[in-house]
C-alpha atoms as a PDB file:
ATOM      1  CA  MET A   1     -85.048  47.436 -81.247  1.00  0.00           C
ATOM      2  CA  ASP A   2     -85.609  51.111 -80.364  1.00  0.00           C
ATOM      3  CA  HIS A   3     -82.854  53.621 -81.044  1.00  0.00           C
ATOM      4  CA  ASN A   4     -81.038  54.614 -77.828  1.00  0.00           C
ATOM      5  CA  THR A   5     -80.470  58.373 -77.970  1.00  0.00           C
ATOM      6  CA  PHE A   6     -79.011  58.380 -74.448  1.00  0.00           C
ATOM      7  CA  ALA A   7     -76.268  55.944 -75.524  1.00  0.00           C
ATOM      8  CA  ASP A   8     -75.508  58.072 -78.607  1.00  0.00           C
ATOM      9  CA  LEU A   9     -75.162  61.248 -76.558  1.00  0.00           C
ATOM     10  CA  ALA A  10     -73.122  59.494 -73.871  1.00  0.00           C
ATOM     11  CA  ARG A  11     -70.595  58.473 -76.558  1.00  0.00           C
ATOM     12  CA  VAL A  12     -69.886  62.083 -77.596  1.00  0.00           C
ATOM     13  CA  ASP A  13     -66.291  62.904 -76.643  1.00  0.00           C
ATOM     14  CA  CYS A  14     -66.476  65.939 -74.382  1.00  0.00           C
ATOM     15  CA  SER A  15     -62.966  65.586 -72.949  1.00  0.00           C
ATOM     16  CA  GLY A  16     -61.501  68.468 -74.967  1.00  0.00           C
ATOM     17  CA  HIS A  17     -64.226  70.832 -73.779  1.00  0.00           C
ATOM     18  CA  ILE A  18     -64.159  70.307 -70.015  1.00  0.00           C
ATOM     19  CA  GLU A  19     -63.529  73.469 -68.041  1.00  0.00           C
ATOM     20  CA  LYS A  20     -63.026  73.848 -64.297  1.00  0.00           C
ATOM     21  CA  LYS A  21     -64.428  76.291 -61.801  1.00  0.00           C
ATOM     22  CA  ASN A  22     -63.068  76.043 -58.254  1.00  0.00           C
ATOM     23  CA  GLY A  23     -62.031  72.463 -58.870  1.00  0.00           C
ATOM     24  CA  PHE A  24     -65.405  71.357 -60.276  1.00  0.00           C
ATOM     25  CA  PRO A  25     -65.494  70.200 -63.925  1.00  0.00           C
ATOM     26  CA  TYR A  26     -68.197  71.441 -66.275  1.00  0.00           C
ATOM     27  CA  LEU A  27     -69.058  71.854 -69.954  1.00  0.00           C
ATOM     28  CA  SER A  28     -69.615  75.260 -71.476  1.00  0.00           C
ATOM     29  CA  TRP A  29     -73.230  75.785 -72.445  1.00  0.00           C
ATOM     30  CA  PRO A  30     -72.487  76.699 -76.110  1.00  0.00           C
ATOM     31  CA  PHE A  31     -70.660  73.377 -76.604  1.00  0.00           C
ATOM     32  CA  ALA A  32     -73.441  71.378 -74.915  1.00  0.00           C
ATOM     33  CA  VAL A  33     -76.155  73.067 -76.990  1.00  0.00           C
ATOM     34  CA  GLU A  34     -74.148  72.649 -80.203  1.00  0.00           C
ATOM     35  CA  GLN A  35     -73.633  68.921 -79.620  1.00  0.00           C
ATOM     36  CA  LEU A  36     -77.245  68.398 -78.576  1.00  0.00           C
ATOM     37  CA  ARG A  37     -78.510  70.128 -81.732  1.00  0.00           C
ATOM     38  CA  LYS A  38     -76.060  68.222 -83.951  1.00  0.00           C
ATOM     39  CA  HIS A  39     -77.143  64.851 -82.626  1.00  0.00           C
ATOM     40  CA  CYS A  40     -80.796  65.637 -81.853  1.00  0.00           C
ATOM     41  CA  PRO A  41     -81.915  68.547 -84.058  1.00  0.00           C
ATOM     42  CA  ASP A  42     -85.495  68.347 -82.791  1.00  0.00           C
ATOM     43  CA  ALA A  43     -84.485  68.644 -79.121  1.00  0.00           C
ATOM     44  CA  THR A  44     -86.103  71.490 -77.194  1.00  0.00           C
ATOM     45  CA  TRP A  45     -85.710  73.077 -73.781  1.00  0.00           C
ATOM     46  CA  GLU A  46     -87.731  75.328 -71.549  1.00  0.00           C
ATOM     47  CA  VAL A  47     -86.709  77.597 -68.691  1.00  0.00           C
ATOM     48  CA  LYS A  48     -89.371  77.139 -66.024  1.00  0.00           C
ATOM     49  CA  ARG A  49     -90.931  80.281 -64.535  1.00  0.00           C
ATOM     50  CA  ASN A  50     -92.594  81.165 -61.255  1.00  0.00           C
ATOM     51  CA  ASP A  51     -96.199  82.456 -60.898  1.00  0.00           C
ATOM     52  CA  LYS A  52     -95.035  85.987 -61.811  1.00  0.00           C
ATOM     53  CA  GLY A  53     -93.334  84.781 -65.000  1.00  0.00           C
ATOM     54  CA  GLU A  54     -89.823  85.225 -63.576  1.00  0.00           C
ATOM     55  CA  PRO A  55     -87.182  82.602 -64.523  1.00  0.00           C
ATOM     56  CA  PHE A  56     -86.353  81.670 -60.918  1.00  0.00           C
ATOM     57  CA  PHE A  57     -87.900  80.341 -57.732  1.00  0.00           C
ATOM     58  CA  VAL A  58     -87.384  81.643 -54.201  1.00  0.00           C
ATOM     59  CA  THR A  59     -87.483  79.073 -51.414  1.00  0.00           C
ATOM     60  CA  GLN A  60     -86.524  78.979 -47.747  1.00  0.00           C
ATOM     61  CA  CYS A  61     -83.175  77.589 -48.937  1.00  0.00           C
ATOM     62  CA  GLY A  62     -82.504  80.329 -51.499  1.00  0.00           C
ATOM     63  CA  PHE A  63     -82.928  81.054 -55.206  1.00  0.00           C
ATOM     64  CA  PHE A  64     -83.245  78.244 -57.745  1.00  0.00           C
ATOM     65  CA  VAL A  65     -83.689  77.912 -61.503  1.00  0.00           C
ATOM     66  CA  GLU A  66     -85.164  75.001 -63.441  1.00  0.00           C
ATOM     67  CA  VAL A  67     -84.681  73.908 -67.043  1.00  0.00           C
ATOM     68  CA  ALA A  68     -86.474  71.045 -68.789  1.00  0.00           C
ATOM     69  CA  VAL A  69     -84.912  69.469 -71.899  1.00  0.00           C
ATOM     70  CA  THR A  70     -86.854  67.230 -74.272  1.00  0.00           C
ATOM     71  CA  VAL A  71     -84.977  64.718 -76.437  1.00  0.00           C
ATOM     72  CA  SER A  72     -86.740  62.059 -78.534  1.00  0.00           C
ATOM     73  CA  GLY A  73     -89.987  62.695 -76.675  1.00  0.00           C
ATOM     74  CA  VAL A  74     -88.432  62.308 -73.209  1.00  0.00           C
ATOM     75  CA  THR A  75     -88.483  65.406 -70.986  1.00  0.00           C
ATOM     76  CA  LEU A  76     -86.040  65.590 -68.090  1.00  0.00           C
ATOM     77  CA  SER A  77     -85.834  68.520 -65.714  1.00  0.00           C
ATOM     78  CA  GLN A  78     -82.904  69.856 -63.691  1.00  0.00           C
ATOM     79  CA  ILE A  79     -83.115  72.243 -60.732  1.00  0.00           C
ATOM     80  CA  HIS A  80     -80.037  74.299 -59.914  1.00  0.00           C
ATOM     81  CA  PRO A  81     -79.307  76.777 -57.104  1.00  0.00           C
ATOM     82  CA  VAL A  82     -78.196  80.272 -58.046  1.00  0.00           C
ATOM     83  CA  LEU A  83     -74.520  80.261 -57.098  1.00  0.00           C
ATOM     84  CA  ASP A  84     -71.643  82.728 -57.034  1.00  0.00           C
ATOM     85  CA  ASN A  85     -68.251  82.173 -58.682  1.00  0.00           C
ATOM     86  CA  ARG A  86     -67.166  80.072 -55.669  1.00  0.00           C
ATOM     87  CA  ASN A  87     -70.198  77.760 -55.989  1.00  0.00           C
ATOM     88  CA  ARG A  88     -71.909  79.224 -52.938  1.00  0.00           C
ATOM     89  CA  PRO A  89     -75.609  80.219 -52.845  1.00  0.00           C
ATOM     90  CA  ILE A  90     -76.370  83.899 -53.457  1.00  0.00           C
ATOM     91  CA  ASP A  91     -78.850  85.565 -51.103  1.00  0.00           C
ATOM     92  CA  GLN A  92     -79.927  88.306 -53.531  1.00  0.00           C
ATOM     93  CA  PRO A  93     -78.799  87.402 -57.072  1.00  0.00           C
ATOM     94  CA  ASP A  94     -78.782  89.895 -59.922  1.00  0.00           C
ATOM     95  CA  ALA A  95     -79.983  89.192 -63.482  1.00  0.00           C
ATOM     96  CA  PHE A  96     -76.522  88.102 -64.654  1.00  0.00           C
ATOM     97  CA  GLN A  97     -76.153  85.579 -61.818  1.00  0.00           C
ATOM     98  CA  ILE A  98     -79.602  84.139 -62.515  1.00  0.00           C
ATOM     99  CA  ASN A  99     -78.796  83.875 -66.234  1.00  0.00           C
ATOM    100  CA  ALA A 100     -75.458  82.154 -65.522  1.00  0.00           C
ATOM    101  CA  SER A 101     -77.252  79.632 -63.300  1.00  0.00           C
ATOM    102  CA  ILE A 102     -79.834  78.998 -66.025  1.00  0.00           C
ATOM    103  CA  GLN A 103     -77.017  78.175 -68.472  1.00  0.00           C
ATOM    104  CA  ARG A 104     -75.389  75.791 -65.939  1.00  0.00           C
ATOM    105  CA  CYS A 105     -78.782  74.218 -65.313  1.00  0.00           C
ATOM    106  CA  LEU A 106     -79.350  73.799 -69.068  1.00  0.00           C
ATOM    107  CA  VAL A 107     -76.050  71.931 -69.427  1.00  0.00           C
ATOM    108  CA  LYS A 108     -76.938  69.626 -66.540  1.00  0.00           C
ATOM    109  CA  ALA A 109     -80.412  68.984 -67.970  1.00  0.00           C
ATOM    110  CA  ILE A 110     -78.757  68.076 -71.280  1.00  0.00           C
ATOM    111  CA  ALA A 111     -76.387  65.778 -69.338  1.00  0.00           C
ATOM    112  CA  LEU A 112     -79.409  63.884 -67.984  1.00  0.00           C
ATOM    113  CA  HIS A 113     -79.908  62.782 -71.597  1.00  0.00           C
ATOM    114  CA  GLY A 114     -76.331  61.431 -71.746  1.00  0.00           C
ATOM    115  CA  LEU A 115     -74.155  64.253 -73.114  1.00  0.00           C
ATOM    116  CA  GLY A 116     -71.286  64.751 -70.668  1.00  0.00           C
ATOM    117  CA  LEU A 117     -73.087  63.024 -67.793  1.00  0.00           C
ATOM    118  CA  SER A 118     -69.901  61.332 -66.586  1.00  0.00           C
ATOM    119  CA  ILE A 119     -68.293  64.747 -66.025  1.00  0.00           C
ATOM    120  CA  TYR A 120     -70.641  65.388 -63.116  1.00  0.00           C
ATOM    121  CA  ALA A 121     -70.048  62.061 -61.345  1.00  0.00           C
ATOM    122  CA  GLY A 122     -69.084  62.719 -57.752  1.00  0.00           C
ATOM    123  CA  GLU A 123     -69.937  66.412 -57.690  1.00  0.00           C
ATOM    124  CA  ASP A 124     -72.599  65.759 -55.096  1.00  0.00           C
ATOM    125  CA  VAL A 125     -69.946  64.468 -52.709  1.00  0.00           C
ATOM    126  CA  PRO A 126     -69.287  66.927 -49.872  1.00  0.00           C
ATOM    127  CA  ARG A 127     -65.910  68.677 -50.160  1.00  0.00           C
ATOM    128  CA  GLU A 128     -64.672  67.092 -46.933  1.00  0.00           C
ATOM    129  CA  VAL A 129     -65.388  63.615 -48.293  1.00  0.00           C
ATOM    130  CA  ALA A 130     -63.780  64.489 -51.631  1.00  0.00           C
ATOM    131  CA  ALA A 131     -60.682  65.736 -49.802  1.00  0.00           C
ATOM    132  CA  GLU A 132     -60.525  62.517 -47.770  1.00  0.00           C
ATOM    133  CA  ARG A 133     -60.812  60.421 -50.942  1.00  0.00           C
ATOM    134  CA  LYS A 134     -58.057  62.425 -52.602  1.00  0.00           C
ATOM    135  CA  ALA A 135     -55.798  62.002 -49.564  1.00  0.00           C
ATOM    136  CA  GLU A 136     -56.451  58.231 -49.562  1.00  0.00           C
ATOM    137  CA  ALA A 137     -55.673  58.018 -53.282  1.00  0.00           C
ATOM    138  CA  GLU A 138     -52.346  59.800 -52.730  1.00  0.00           C
ATOM    139  CA  LYS A 139     -51.207  57.489 -49.901  1.00  0.00           C
ATOM    140  CA  PRO A 140     -48.662  54.808 -50.893  1.00  0.00           C
ATOM    141  CA  ILE A 141     -49.991  51.334 -51.611  1.00  0.00           C
ATOM    142  CA  ALA A 142     -49.937  48.641 -48.904  1.00  0.00           C
ATOM    143  CA  ALA A 143     -47.156  46.043 -48.627  1.00  0.00           C
ATOM    144  CA  LYS A 144     -49.558  43.328 -49.858  1.00  0.00           C
ATOM    145  CA  GLN A 145     -50.234  45.370 -53.016  1.00  0.00           C
ATOM    146  CA  VAL A 146     -46.497  45.880 -53.567  1.00  0.00           C
ATOM    147  CA  GLY A 147     -46.078  42.100 -53.339  1.00  0.00           C
ATOM    148  CA  TYR A 148     -48.878  41.461 -55.820  1.00  0.00           C
ATOM    149  CA  LEU A 149     -47.422  43.968 -58.301  1.00  0.00           C
ATOM    150  CA  ARG A 150     -43.941  42.446 -57.980  1.00  0.00           C
ATOM    151  CA  GLY A 151     -45.431  39.013 -58.661  1.00  0.00           C
ATOM    152  CA  LEU A 152     -47.106  40.332 -61.823  1.00  0.00           C
ATOM    153  CA  ILE A 153     -43.904  42.113 -62.868  1.00  0.00           C
ATOM    154  CA  ASP A 154     -41.950  38.862 -62.556  1.00  0.00           C
ATOM    155  CA  GLU A 155     -44.638  36.847 -64.331  1.00  0.00           C
ATOM    156  CA  VAL A 156     -44.768  39.109 -67.402  1.00  0.00           C
ATOM    157  CA  GLU A 157     -41.033  39.868 -67.259  1.00  0.00           C
ATOM    158  CA  ALA A 158     -41.654  43.601 -67.002  1.00  0.00           C
ATOM    159  CA  ASP A 159     -39.064  46.149 -65.910  1.00  0.00           C
ATOM    160  CA  GLU A 160     -39.905  47.422 -62.407  1.00  0.00           C
ATOM    161  CA  SER A 161     -37.765  50.542 -62.833  1.00  0.00           C
ATOM    162  CA  LYS A 162     -39.619  51.467 -66.050  1.00  0.00           C
ATOM    163  CA  LEU A 163     -42.945  50.968 -64.294  1.00  0.00           C
ATOM    164  CA  CYS A 164     -41.786  53.259 -61.473  1.00  0.00           C
ATOM    165  CA  GLN A 165     -40.556  55.800 -63.993  1.00  0.00           C
ATOM    166  CA  TYR A 166     -43.931  55.715 -65.776  1.00  0.00           C
ATOM    167  CA  PHE A 167     -45.764  56.446 -62.507  1.00  0.00           C
ATOM    168  CA  LYS A 168     -43.116  59.010 -61.456  1.00  0.00           C
ATOM    169  CA  VAL A 169     -42.052  57.256 -58.253  1.00  0.00           C
ATOM    170  CA  ASP A 170     -38.585  56.213 -57.105  1.00  0.00           C
ATOM    171  CA  LYS A 171     -39.691  52.783 -55.932  1.00  0.00           C
ATOM    172  CA  LEU A 172     -42.785  50.605 -56.070  1.00  0.00           C
ATOM    173  CA  GLU A 173     -43.500  51.182 -52.366  1.00  0.00           C
ATOM    174  CA  GLU A 174     -44.198  54.870 -53.185  1.00  0.00           C
ATOM    175  CA  LEU A 175     -46.881  54.145 -55.794  1.00  0.00           C
ATOM    176  CA  PRO A 176     -50.034  56.124 -54.849  1.00  0.00           C
ATOM    177  CA  ALA A 177     -53.058  53.978 -54.017  1.00  0.00           C
ATOM    178  CA  GLY A 178     -55.058  55.857 -56.648  1.00  0.00           C
ATOM    179  CA  LYS A 179     -52.749  54.510 -59.372  1.00  0.00           C
ATOM    180  CA  TYR A 180     -52.650  50.894 -58.190  1.00  0.00           C
ATOM    181  CA  GLU A 181     -55.553  49.667 -60.361  1.00  0.00           C
ATOM    182  CA  LYS A 182     -53.998  51.250 -63.454  1.00  0.00           C
ATOM    183  CA  ALA A 183     -50.659  49.535 -62.748  1.00  0.00           C
ATOM    184  CA  VAL A 184     -52.380  46.156 -62.259  1.00  0.00           C
ATOM    185  CA  ALA A 185     -54.468  46.610 -65.429  1.00  0.00           C
ATOM    186  CA  GLY A 186     -51.364  47.432 -67.476  1.00  0.00           C
ATOM    187  CA  LEU A 187     -49.501  44.366 -66.245  1.00  0.00           C
ATOM    188  CA  GLU A 188     -52.516  42.081 -66.704  1.00  0.00           C
ATOM    189  CA  LYS A 189     -52.909  43.380 -70.251  1.00  0.00           C
ATOM    190  CA  LYS A 190     -49.278  42.469 -70.908  1.00  0.00           C
ATOM    191  CA  ARG A 191     -49.960  38.999 -69.480  1.00  0.00           C
ATOM    192  CA  LYS A 192     -52.949  38.482 -71.814  1.00  0.00           C
ATOM    193  CA  GLU A 193     -50.955  39.671 -74.824  1.00  0.00           C
ATOM    194  CA  ALA A 194     -48.204  37.153 -74.000  1.00  0.00           C
ATOM    195  CA  ALA A 195     -50.689  34.256 -73.682  1.00  0.00           C
END
């Protein structure tokens, strides 16, 4: 069976190195390069250049950069817009802004090979949709869900007040919808342990 480099890189714990910029998570490029080189010392990358040899491309939509990363003979390329510090496209970027976008693009090209890929899940969702999802996750659970949780609580002889305390709510009816699955999983785990 062939060695799965993607799976190896996807297992690297990046959680302690996640930074945020305007609410979007990302990995710093020095950490991503360090981990890539530790796990795949023969990995290479290339900043793509336009016909004039410049490390960017100008399109009708704005400025873009492209980086290709090769790991275990597989080359994957990422294209990234040149953005400002609010993640908005820059009409006339300077050298620093282009370089910063190249570094972001490098990290994302590395992520295509597995390292930190999960960090970028959902970033392509429009902000309005993300805001709607967040609002839905913060709404209290439905009466049917409250009933199901109470049934599980009774079955495993759990303490409802401790469960509420854990989720920082005064009563089960206030449990946010986004935490419902976690509450169910915890109670079901307790049920399996008791069996």
